Structures are given as C-alpha cells and as structure tokens.
Protein backbone atom coordinates (compact mmCIF):
# COMPACT_ATOMS: atom_id res chain seq x y z
CA MET A 1 -9.97 -0.55 9.41
CA GLY A 2 -11.75 -0.54 12.92
CA PHE A 3 -15.13 -0.97 10.99
CA PHE A 4 -14.29 -4.45 9.51
CA ARG A 5 -13.70 -5.73 13.20
CA ASP A 6 -17.03 -4.80 14.26
CA LEU A 7 -18.98 -6.67 11.65
CA GLY A 8 -20.30 -10.32 12.78
CA GLY A 9 -21.23 -13.23 10.86
CA LEU A 10 -24.72 -12.02 10.53
CA HIS A 11 -23.61 -8.55 8.87
CA LEU A 12 -21.12 -10.56 6.63
CA LEU A 13 -24.03 -12.77 5.21
CA ILE A 14 -25.98 -9.96 4.50
CA ILE A 15 -23.53 -8.20 2.59
CA VAL A 16 -22.60 -11.42 0.55
CA LEU A 17 -26.39 -11.57 -0.21
CA ILE A 18 -26.50 -8.14 -1.49
CA LEU A 19 -23.79 -8.56 -3.62
CA VAL A 20 -25.41 -11.83 -5.02
CA LEU A 21 -28.60 -9.94 -5.63
CA LEU A 22 -26.60 -6.86 -7.53
CA PHE A 23 -24.29 -8.80 -9.60
CA GLY A 24 -25.64 -12.50 -9.96
CA ALA A 25 -23.57 -15.52 -8.50
CA SER A 26 -22.26 -16.19 -11.97
CA ARG A 27 -20.52 -12.67 -12.08
CA LEU A 28 -19.19 -12.61 -8.40
CA PRO A 29 -15.76 -14.49 -9.20
CA ALA A 30 -15.19 -11.98 -12.23
CA VAL A 31 -16.02 -8.79 -9.97
CA SER A 32 -13.82 -10.08 -7.16
CA LYS A 33 -10.97 -10.95 -9.54
CA GLY A 34 -10.99 -7.48 -10.69
CA ILE A 35 -11.31 -5.97 -7.50
CA ALA A 36 -8.10 -7.97 -6.29
CA GLN A 37 -6.14 -6.99 -9.22
CA SER A 38 -6.75 -3.48 -8.55
CA VAL A 39 -5.85 -3.89 -5.17
CA ARG A 40 -2.48 -5.75 -5.98
CA VAL A 41 -1.95 -2.56 -8.35
CA PHE A 42 -2.66 -0.34 -5.88
CA ARG A 43 -0.32 -1.59 -3.23
CA LYS A 44 2.38 -1.93 -5.63
CA GLU A 45 2.20 1.64 -6.84
CA VAL A 46 2.43 2.73 -3.15
CA ALA A 47 5.29 0.63 -2.30
CA LYS A 48 6.91 2.04 -5.30
CA LYS A 49 6.28 5.55 -4.30
CA ASN A 50 7.55 4.89 -0.70
CA ASP A 51 10.74 3.43 -2.38
CA GLU A 52 11.30 6.39 -4.41
CA ASP A 53 10.54 8.73 -1.39
CA GLU A 54 13.01 6.94 0.82
CA GLY A 55 15.85 7.08 -1.92
CA SER A 56 15.42 10.92 -2.56
CA VAL A 57 15.80 11.16 1.10
CA ALA A 58 18.72 9.28 1.38
CA ARG A 59 20.47 11.01 -1.54
CA SER A 60 19.43 14.62 -0.20
CA THR A 61 21.23 13.63 2.94
CA GLU A 62 24.31 12.23 1.27
CA SER A 63 24.71 15.52 -0.68
CA THR A 64 24.60 17.47 2.10
CA THR A 65 26.50 15.46 4.64
CA THR A 66 30.12 16.70 4.70
CA THR A 67 33.22 14.87 6.04
CA THR A 68 35.94 16.70 7.34
CA THR A 69 39.64 15.14 7.44
CA PRO A 70 42.19 16.09 9.90
CA SER A 71 44.97 18.65 7.92
CA ASP A 72 48.54 17.79 8.54
CA ASP A 73 49.08 21.62 9.06
CA LYS A 74 48.23 21.61 12.79
CA LYS A 75 51.44 19.69 13.84
C-alpha cells in the first residue's frame, strides 16, 4: 500500500477526471457501489478462511496434546 501514500492531490484529481471521462458522471456511483460490495465480500471471505484455518490448527493441537495423570501405583 505504499503506492497510495505517494499519491498527491494532483494525482488523485487526474485519476478522478480519467474515471469521469471513462464511465461518465452518472455511472460513477453505480461503479463505486459495485466495487465496494466486491471488496466487502472479499474481506468477509478472507476473514472466514482465516477463522477456519485457526480452528483447524486449534483442533489439531488439541488432538495431538495428551495429558498424563499421576498413577497411584508409585506409593
């Protein structure tokens, strides 16, 4: 994300003007909404995958961990 920190005000203005020329001012809200929804779905799926991975790691460590109890035979 270092690329976005280097963008100045003039750069952002040029990008917005190019988007307006490509899509037209009337279509920009619809395009923005579609991109935002796609990003939300992507983040949700990534979080879901991370939760599944953490759960499988926790389950695998629980199944390989054994507990020992002291026996009464050593008196």
